[in-house]
Amino acid sequence: MPYAPADSNNSKGRTPIKYDLLIKKGHVIDPSQNIDRVMDVVLAGGKVAAIADSLPEADAAELLDADGMIVTPGLIDLHVHNFWGANEYGIEPDATNLAKGVTTALDAGSSGATNFAAFRRFIMEPASTRLLALINISILGLISKDIGELTDLDLADAEAAARVAKDNRDLVLGIKARLSEPIARGNDVGAVKRALEAAEAMDGFLMIHVGNTVTPMEELVSMLRPGDVVTHAYHGAKHGILDDAGKVIAGMWEAQKRGVIFDIGHGAGSFSFRVAERALADGFYPGNISSDLHAYNVNGPVYDHVTILSRFLHLGLSLYDTIRLTTQATADVMGLTGKLGTLTPGAEGDVSVLKLEEGRFDLTDSYGTTVNADHRLTHVATVKAGHRYHSH
């Protein structure tokens, strides 16, 4: 079994067990409750039971000593590719999410209307990771880096995408459209229109993949609604967020102000330290931090989600804000506020335990630029639904 449930047997003379797991003396960072200090967290019945300055060890069946560690709500990754075995990008969900501190992940369009049923049955349902999905507007889904799923706009079937999404609304949160030139060629505007039609029909959000599009990013972003997501926001390819002077384009500011989410989606080719530094210097901050973890970057430059978080510590974001952008903020984007991304009693019993290390660490972006960071986050332990995850 992937989980090791707490041993609820009491030794003689021990008080009755109230909780499954006590996480003791960790530095709790929970932006949803404005918490940033040493506290104890207890879990019972798969939920957060309590959070307090000090809770008795005798009340819990299992103890996780987090002294000197960072304790956060379970990390949420808004952009992964976990359709293992069905396309070139797919990687196994538990080894790359739960085993690395991510309790909930959103597969960003690996499957389309024609193959989502297989993704659900053979990948999502058996996974211990809480795996949710976006349906690709292309009926093909994401097959290969050498096959553009939207080179023929007839493949963008809004009716089929909306139907499958509505039939699987318990796991599907929205629609995905990849718009780069090799994928969509000149069909990027048409693909966004059809993807918006599907998203509206199934009452979800739209995520667009940008970078090296035929149409300027500003025009594509202007089509989006509040709550829709632009992933690869800090890419370094043609048609990005910066003008020739290195300033954020006015249309990006306008979109962000009206509620469009600018997500990182680092990936193998979609994050530039240069663009990020200039955008942040201009005051343009991301609305979410995700990894775009897949087969072509799991061995570098992404490696795992916490490595992407470390990049933003190097770029000057506080630890508190960095955690917020992968917990509370991400739950808000997903429409799961109060259920995920929080340690509020009654919320899902998901916790990530991390360590903030000091030293000299090389971090490399998608374009080969390496920086020397003096801090990095590493994964220590993952708790999902109240129980500590143990990988095989």
Protein backbone atom coordinates (compact mmCIF):
# COMPACT_ATOMS: atom_id res chain seq x y z
CA MET A 1 0.00 0.00 0.00
CA PRO A 2 1.28 3.51 -0.76
CA TYR A 3 0.32 4.83 2.64
CA ALA A 4 1.41 3.73 6.08
CA PRO A 5 -1.66 4.36 8.25
CA ALA A 6 -1.04 5.37 11.82
CA ASP A 7 -0.97 2.63 14.43
CA SER A 8 -3.96 3.35 16.63
CA ASN A 9 -3.17 0.69 19.24
CA ASN A 10 -2.66 2.16 22.67
CA SER A 11 -0.05 0.98 25.10
CA LYS A 12 -1.17 0.40 28.69
CA GLY A 13 -1.98 3.55 30.54
CA ARG A 14 -1.96 5.71 27.47
CA THR A 15 -4.75 8.21 26.97
CA PRO A 16 -7.18 7.47 24.12
CA ILE A 17 -5.91 8.43 20.69
CA LYS A 18 -7.62 11.51 19.23
CA TYR A 19 -5.54 12.06 16.12
CA ASP A 20 -3.83 9.99 13.44
CA LEU A 21 -0.76 12.18 13.03
CA LEU A 22 0.90 15.05 14.88
CA ILE A 23 3.41 17.23 13.00
CA LYS A 24 5.44 18.79 15.77
CA LYS A 25 7.43 22.04 16.04
CA GLY A 26 7.55 22.90 12.35
CA HIS A 27 7.74 26.45 11.01
CA VAL A 28 4.22 26.58 9.60
CA ILE A 29 3.65 28.80 6.57
CA ASP A 30 -0.03 28.94 5.67
CA PRO A 31 -0.88 32.16 3.82
CA SER A 32 -4.59 31.26 3.79
CA GLN A 33 -4.56 31.93 7.57
CA ASN A 34 -1.70 34.48 7.66
CA ILE A 35 0.40 31.99 9.64
CA ASP A 36 4.19 32.21 9.55
CA ARG A 37 5.60 30.77 12.80
CA VAL A 38 6.41 27.58 14.70
CA MET A 39 3.25 25.58 15.42
CA ASP A 40 1.90 22.03 15.71
CA VAL A 41 -0.54 20.50 13.21
CA VAL A 42 -2.68 17.42 13.84
CA LEU A 43 -4.68 15.36 11.38
CA ALA A 44 -7.53 12.92 11.86
CA GLY A 45 -9.92 11.14 9.52
CA GLY A 46 -8.09 12.43 6.49
CA LYS A 47 -8.63 16.08 7.46
CA VAL A 48 -6.78 18.81 9.31
CA ALA A 49 -8.04 18.49 12.88
CA ALA A 50 -6.28 21.36 14.64
CA ILE A 51 -3.38 23.77 14.47
CA ALA A 52 -1.98 25.31 17.64
CA ASP A 53 1.18 26.52 19.37
CA SER A 54 1.56 23.21 21.18
CA LEU A 55 -0.39 19.97 21.14
CA PRO A 56 0.26 16.90 23.33
CA GLU A 57 2.09 14.01 21.69
CA ALA A 58 0.04 11.48 23.67
CA ASP A 59 -3.08 12.44 21.70
CA ALA A 60 -1.66 11.22 18.37
CA ALA A 61 -0.96 7.73 17.07
CA GLU A 62 2.02 8.90 15.03
CA LEU A 63 4.53 11.73 15.43
CA LEU A 64 6.39 13.57 12.69
CA ASP A 65 9.12 15.73 14.21
CA ALA A 66 9.40 18.84 12.01
CA ASP A 67 11.76 20.84 14.21
CA GLY A 68 13.84 23.06 11.92
CA MET A 69 11.61 22.28 8.92
CA ILE A 70 9.06 24.26 6.90
CA VAL A 71 5.50 22.93 7.15
CA THR A 72 3.00 24.04 4.50
CA PRO A 73 -0.38 23.03 3.15
CA GLY A 74 0.09 20.29 0.56
CA LEU A 75 1.78 21.83 -2.45
CA ILE A 76 -0.35 22.09 -5.59
CA ASP A 77 1.17 22.00 -9.08
CA LEU A 78 -1.10 23.61 -11.67
CA HIS A 79 0.75 22.23 -14.69
CA VAL A 80 2.05 18.66 -15.09
CA HIS A 81 1.86 15.89 -17.69
CA ASN A 82 1.06 12.48 -16.24
CA PHE A 83 -0.50 10.51 -19.12
CA TRP A 84 2.27 7.94 -18.82
CA GLY A 85 2.52 5.47 -21.70
CA ALA A 86 0.08 7.32 -23.95
CA ASN A 87 2.30 10.16 -25.14
CA GLU A 88 5.95 11.16 -25.16
CA TYR A 89 5.56 13.67 -22.35
CA GLY A 90 3.84 11.51 -19.76
CA ILE A 91 5.50 10.60 -16.45
CA GLU A 92 4.12 8.56 -13.56
CA PRO A 93 2.17 10.75 -11.14
CA ASP A 94 3.14 9.46 -7.70
CA ALA A 95 6.90 9.25 -8.23
CA THR A 96 7.00 12.83 -9.51
CA ASN A 97 4.30 14.47 -7.38
CA LEU A 98 3.62 12.85 -3.98
CA ALA A 99 7.18 11.63 -3.62
CA LYS A 100 8.37 15.21 -4.16
CA GLY A 101 5.96 17.11 -1.91
CA VAL A 102 3.07 17.76 -4.32
CA THR A 103 -0.21 16.37 -3.00
CA THR A 104 -2.44 17.71 -5.79
CA ALA A 105 -1.51 18.12 -9.46
CA LEU A 106 -3.39 19.34 -12.51
CA ASP A 107 -2.63 17.53 -15.74
CA ALA A 108 -2.63 20.30 -18.34
CA GLY A 109 -4.19 18.87 -21.46
CA SER A 110 -2.34 15.60 -21.94
CA SER A 111 -5.61 14.01 -23.04
CA GLY A 112 -8.35 15.14 -25.40
CA ALA A 113 -11.96 14.15 -25.86
CA THR A 114 -11.08 10.88 -27.59
CA ASN A 115 -8.67 9.52 -24.97
CA PHE A 116 -9.63 11.11 -21.65
CA ALA A 117 -11.54 7.95 -20.60
CA ALA A 118 -8.26 5.98 -20.71
CA PHE A 119 -6.43 8.70 -18.80
CA ARG A 120 -9.08 8.65 -16.10
CA ARG A 121 -9.32 4.87 -15.74
CA PHE A 122 -5.67 3.87 -16.01
CA ILE A 123 -3.81 6.90 -14.60
CA MET A 124 -5.98 9.25 -12.56
CA GLU A 125 -8.09 6.80 -10.58
CA PRO A 126 -5.24 4.45 -9.51
CA ALA A 127 -2.95 7.34 -8.54
CA SER A 128 -2.39 8.20 -4.90
CA THR A 129 -1.69 11.78 -5.98
CA ARG A 130 -4.86 13.85 -6.10
CA LEU A 131 -4.80 14.20 -9.87
CA LEU A 132 -7.15 16.59 -11.69
CA ALA A 133 -7.18 17.52 -15.36
CA LEU A 134 -7.75 19.98 -18.15
CA ILE A 135 -9.12 18.59 -21.42
CA ASN A 136 -7.09 19.50 -24.49
CA ILE A 137 -9.22 21.37 -27.02
CA SER A 138 -7.68 19.06 -29.63
CA ILE A 139 -9.45 15.74 -29.74
CA LEU A 140 -6.01 14.11 -30.00
CA GLY A 141 -4.65 15.48 -26.77
CA LEU A 142 -0.89 15.88 -26.49
CA ILE A 143 0.76 13.06 -28.40
CA SER A 144 4.29 13.98 -29.45
CA LYS A 145 6.66 16.92 -29.66
CA ASP A 146 6.80 16.21 -33.40
CA ILE A 147 3.04 16.22 -33.97
CA GLY A 148 1.11 19.48 -33.63
CA GLU A 149 -2.31 18.68 -32.25
CA LEU A 150 -3.81 21.89 -33.68
CA THR A 151 -2.14 22.15 -37.09
CA ASP A 152 -5.59 21.30 -38.46
CA LEU A 153 -8.20 23.48 -36.73
CA ASP A 154 -10.84 20.81 -37.35
CA LEU A 155 -9.18 18.91 -34.49
CA ALA A 156 -10.29 21.67 -32.09
CA ASP A 157 -13.72 20.26 -31.32
CA ALA A 158 -15.36 22.51 -28.71
CA GLU A 159 -18.52 20.42 -28.48
CA ALA A 160 -16.64 17.17 -27.85
CA ALA A 161 -14.29 18.77 -25.31
CA ALA A 162 -17.18 20.33 -23.39
CA ARG A 163 -19.17 17.10 -23.40
CA VAL A 164 -16.31 15.01 -22.00
CA ALA A 165 -15.47 17.72 -19.48
CA LYS A 166 -19.06 17.92 -18.21
CA ASP A 167 -19.33 14.13 -18.01
CA ASN A 168 -16.20 14.10 -15.83
CA ARG A 169 -16.68 17.33 -13.91
CA ASP A 170 -15.57 15.69 -10.67
CA LEU A 171 -12.03 15.57 -12.04
CA VAL A 172 -11.96 18.04 -14.94
CA LEU A 173 -11.54 21.73 -14.13
CA GLY A 174 -11.26 23.28 -17.57
CA ILE A 175 -9.80 23.34 -21.07
CA LYS A 176 -6.22 23.60 -22.38
CA ALA A 177 -4.98 25.01 -25.71
CA ARG A 178 -1.34 24.88 -26.81
CA LEU A 179 -0.72 27.74 -29.23
CA SER A 180 2.97 27.74 -30.20
CA GLU A 181 3.76 27.91 -33.91
CA PRO A 182 4.82 24.27 -34.43
CA ILE A 183 1.70 23.10 -32.59
CA ALA A 184 -1.00 25.43 -33.93
CA ARG A 185 0.76 27.21 -36.81
CA GLY A 186 -1.59 30.02 -37.77
CA ASN A 187 -4.56 28.57 -35.91
CA ASP A 188 -3.85 30.14 -32.50
CA VAL A 189 -6.68 32.69 -32.53
CA GLY A 190 -9.18 30.16 -33.85
CA ALA A 191 -8.07 27.63 -31.25
CA VAL A 192 -8.57 30.16 -28.42
CA LYS A 193 -12.08 30.94 -29.68
CA ARG A 194 -13.04 27.27 -29.71
CA ALA A 195 -11.38 26.60 -26.38
CA LEU A 196 -13.28 29.50 -24.82
CA GLU A 197 -16.51 28.08 -26.23
CA ALA A 198 -15.78 24.74 -24.58
CA ALA A 199 -14.71 26.32 -21.28
CA GLU A 200 -17.87 28.37 -21.09
CA ALA A 201 -20.05 25.37 -21.94
CA MET A 202 -18.52 23.23 -19.17
CA ASP A 203 -18.21 26.14 -16.70
CA GLY A 204 -14.46 25.87 -16.24
CA PHE A 205 -11.38 27.94 -16.89
CA LEU A 206 -9.14 28.02 -19.95
CA MET A 207 -5.37 27.64 -19.82
CA ILE A 208 -3.42 28.79 -22.88
CA HIS A 209 0.17 27.76 -23.62
CA VAL A 210 2.05 30.70 -25.16
CA GLY A 211 5.54 31.33 -26.54
CA ASN A 212 6.62 31.45 -30.18
CA THR A 213 3.05 32.01 -31.38
CA VAL A 214 2.12 33.46 -34.77
CA THR A 215 -0.16 36.00 -33.08
CA PRO A 216 1.32 38.45 -30.54
CA MET A 217 0.78 37.31 -26.97
CA GLU A 218 -0.97 40.55 -26.10
CA GLU A 219 -3.74 39.81 -28.61
CA LEU A 220 -4.19 36.23 -27.38
CA VAL A 221 -4.28 37.30 -23.72
CA SER A 222 -6.85 40.01 -24.51
CA MET A 223 -9.31 37.25 -25.45
CA LEU A 224 -9.25 35.67 -22.00
CA ARG A 225 -11.76 36.03 -19.18
CA PRO A 226 -11.09 36.66 -15.47
CA GLY A 227 -9.88 33.39 -13.97
CA ASP A 228 -8.39 32.07 -17.20
CA VAL A 229 -4.69 31.16 -17.12
CA VAL A 230 -1.69 32.07 -19.26
CA THR A 231 0.97 29.43 -18.67
CA HIS A 232 4.65 29.98 -19.60
CA ALA A 233 4.22 33.65 -18.67
CA TYR A 234 7.98 34.29 -18.39
CA HIS A 235 9.06 32.46 -21.54
CA GLY A 236 11.94 33.83 -23.58
CA ALA A 237 10.67 33.03 -27.08
CA LYS A 238 8.98 35.22 -29.71
CA HIS A 239 5.93 37.20 -28.61
CA GLY A 240 6.44 37.42 -24.86
CA ILE A 241 5.36 39.78 -22.09
CA LEU A 242 8.18 42.32 -22.61
CA ASP A 243 8.51 45.08 -25.18
CA ASP A 244 11.76 45.97 -26.93
CA ALA A 245 12.76 48.16 -23.98
CA GLY A 246 12.40 45.26 -21.54
CA LYS A 247 9.21 46.57 -19.97
CA VAL A 248 6.00 44.61 -19.47
CA ILE A 249 3.58 45.28 -22.32
CA ALA A 250 0.53 47.35 -21.36
CA GLY A 251 -1.91 44.63 -22.39
CA MET A 252 -0.41 42.21 -19.87
CA TRP A 253 -0.99 44.68 -17.04
CA GLU A 254 -4.56 45.21 -18.19
CA ALA A 255 -5.24 41.48 -18.34
CA GLN A 256 -3.75 40.87 -14.90
CA LYS A 257 -5.80 43.69 -13.40
CA ARG A 258 -9.03 42.17 -14.72
CA GLY A 259 -8.23 38.77 -13.25
CA VAL A 260 -6.27 36.78 -15.84
CA ILE A 261 -3.75 34.52 -14.07
CA PHE A 262 -0.14 34.57 -15.28
CA ASP A 263 1.34 31.17 -14.41
CA ILE A 264 5.00 30.13 -14.63
CA GLY A 265 4.85 26.66 -16.25
CA HIS A 266 8.66 26.42 -16.32
CA GLY A 267 9.05 23.36 -18.53
CA ALA A 268 11.97 22.47 -20.78
CA GLY A 269 11.67 25.58 -22.95
CA SER A 270 9.39 28.10 -21.30
CA PHE A 271 11.16 29.96 -18.49
CA SER A 272 13.82 32.65 -18.81
CA PHE A 273 15.65 34.15 -15.84
CA ARG A 274 16.23 37.29 -17.92
CA VAL A 275 12.51 37.76 -18.63
CA ALA A 276 11.57 36.93 -15.03
CA GLU A 277 14.10 39.42 -13.61
CA ARG A 278 12.87 42.22 -15.87
CA ALA A 279 9.19 41.48 -15.24
CA LEU A 280 9.69 41.38 -11.47
CA ALA A 281 11.78 44.57 -11.59
CA ASP A 282 8.84 46.16 -13.39
CA GLY A 283 6.52 44.97 -10.60
CA PHE A 284 4.78 42.31 -12.68
CA TYR A 285 4.50 39.24 -10.41
CA PRO A 286 3.13 35.80 -11.30
CA GLY A 287 -0.28 34.73 -10.09
CA ASN A 288 0.84 31.12 -9.72
CA ILE A 289 3.99 29.01 -9.79
CA SER A 290 3.86 25.66 -11.60
CA SER A 291 6.45 23.28 -13.01
CA ASP A 292 5.19 21.88 -16.36
CA LEU A 293 6.96 18.70 -15.28
CA HIS A 294 7.19 16.08 -18.03
CA ALA A 295 9.49 13.44 -19.52
CA TYR A 296 11.77 15.94 -21.24
CA ASN A 297 12.60 17.98 -18.12
CA VAL A 298 12.25 15.66 -15.12
CA ASN A 299 16.00 15.02 -15.34
CA GLY A 300 16.68 18.74 -15.77
CA PRO A 301 16.21 21.62 -15.84
CA VAL A 302 12.97 21.25 -13.84
CA TYR A 303 13.68 18.11 -11.76
CA ASP A 304 10.70 18.68 -9.44
CA HIS A 305 8.29 21.33 -8.24
CA VAL A 306 10.29 22.49 -5.21
CA THR A 307 13.25 23.22 -7.49
CA ILE A 308 11.04 25.68 -9.38
CA LEU A 309 10.03 27.28 -6.08
CA SER A 310 13.73 27.69 -5.26
CA ARG A 311 14.19 29.76 -8.42
CA PHE A 312 11.75 32.34 -7.10
CA LEU A 313 13.49 32.57 -3.77
CA HIS A 314 16.62 33.41 -5.76
CA LEU A 315 14.67 36.00 -7.76
CA GLY A 316 13.73 37.77 -4.53
CA LEU A 317 10.27 36.50 -3.63
CA SER A 318 9.82 35.85 0.07
CA LEU A 319 9.40 32.28 1.25
CA TYR A 320 5.88 33.22 2.39
CA ASP A 321 4.85 34.55 -1.04
CA THR A 322 6.48 31.65 -2.84
CA ILE A 323 4.48 29.16 -0.76
CA ARG A 324 1.31 31.21 -1.28
CA LEU A 325 1.72 30.93 -5.06
CA THR A 326 1.62 27.14 -4.92
CA THR A 327 -0.96 26.63 -2.15
CA GLN A 328 -3.65 29.24 -1.44
CA ALA A 329 -3.36 31.02 -4.80
CA THR A 330 -3.43 27.75 -6.74
CA ALA A 331 -6.47 26.46 -4.88
CA ASP A 332 -8.21 29.74 -5.74
CA VAL A 333 -7.42 29.31 -9.45
CA MET A 334 -8.80 25.77 -9.33
CA GLY A 335 -12.01 26.81 -7.58
CA LEU A 336 -11.08 24.77 -4.49
CA THR A 337 -10.62 27.54 -1.94
CA GLY A 338 -10.93 26.26 1.62
CA LYS A 339 -10.61 22.62 0.57
CA LEU A 340 -7.01 22.57 -0.61
CA GLY A 341 -4.03 24.86 -0.09
CA THR A 342 -4.87 25.51 3.55
CA LEU A 343 -4.34 24.03 7.01
CA THR A 344 -7.68 25.29 8.26
CA PRO A 345 -9.38 22.62 10.41
CA GLY A 346 -11.74 20.62 8.24
CA ALA A 347 -9.68 21.04 5.07
CA GLU A 348 -8.09 18.09 3.30
CA GLY A 349 -5.32 16.64 5.45
CA ASP A 350 -2.54 17.45 3.00
CA VAL A 351 0.80 18.73 4.29
CA SER A 352 4.23 19.23 2.75
CA VAL A 353 7.34 19.25 4.93
CA LEU A 354 10.32 21.03 3.37
CA LYS A 355 13.79 22.13 4.32
CA LEU A 356 15.32 25.49 3.47
CA GLU A 357 18.99 24.82 2.83
CA GLU A 358 21.78 27.37 2.72
CA GLY A 359 24.84 27.02 0.51
CA ARG A 360 25.76 27.48 -3.17
CA PHE A 361 23.34 25.91 -5.61
CA ASP A 362 23.27 26.07 -9.40
CA LEU A 363 19.84 26.67 -10.93
CA THR A 364 19.43 26.57 -14.72
CA ASP A 365 16.52 27.99 -16.72
CA SER A 366 15.02 26.63 -19.94
CA TYR A 367 17.54 28.46 -22.10
CA GLY A 368 20.73 27.28 -20.43
CA THR A 369 21.30 30.30 -18.18
CA THR A 370 22.66 29.20 -14.79
CA VAL A 371 22.53 31.26 -11.61
CA ASN A 372 24.19 30.63 -8.26
CA ALA A 373 21.58 30.62 -5.51
CA ASP A 374 22.38 30.75 -1.80
CA HIS A 375 19.15 29.02 -0.72
CA ARG A 376 17.05 26.17 -2.00
CA LEU A 377 14.01 24.21 -0.87
CA THR A 378 14.18 20.44 -0.65
CA HIS A 379 11.49 17.89 0.10
CA VAL A 380 11.43 16.08 3.44
CA ALA A 381 8.00 14.45 3.78
CA THR A 382 4.53 14.41 2.25
CA VAL A 383 1.24 13.85 4.06
CA LYS A 384 -1.90 13.27 2.04
CA ALA A 385 -5.36 12.71 3.47
CA GLY A 386 -3.88 12.58 6.97
CA HIS A 387 -1.26 9.89 6.39
CA ARG A 388 2.41 10.12 5.54
CA TYR A 389 3.26 8.97 2.04
CA HIS A 390 5.90 6.27 1.68
CA SER A 391 7.14 5.58 -1.83
CA HIS A 392 8.05 2.04 -2.82
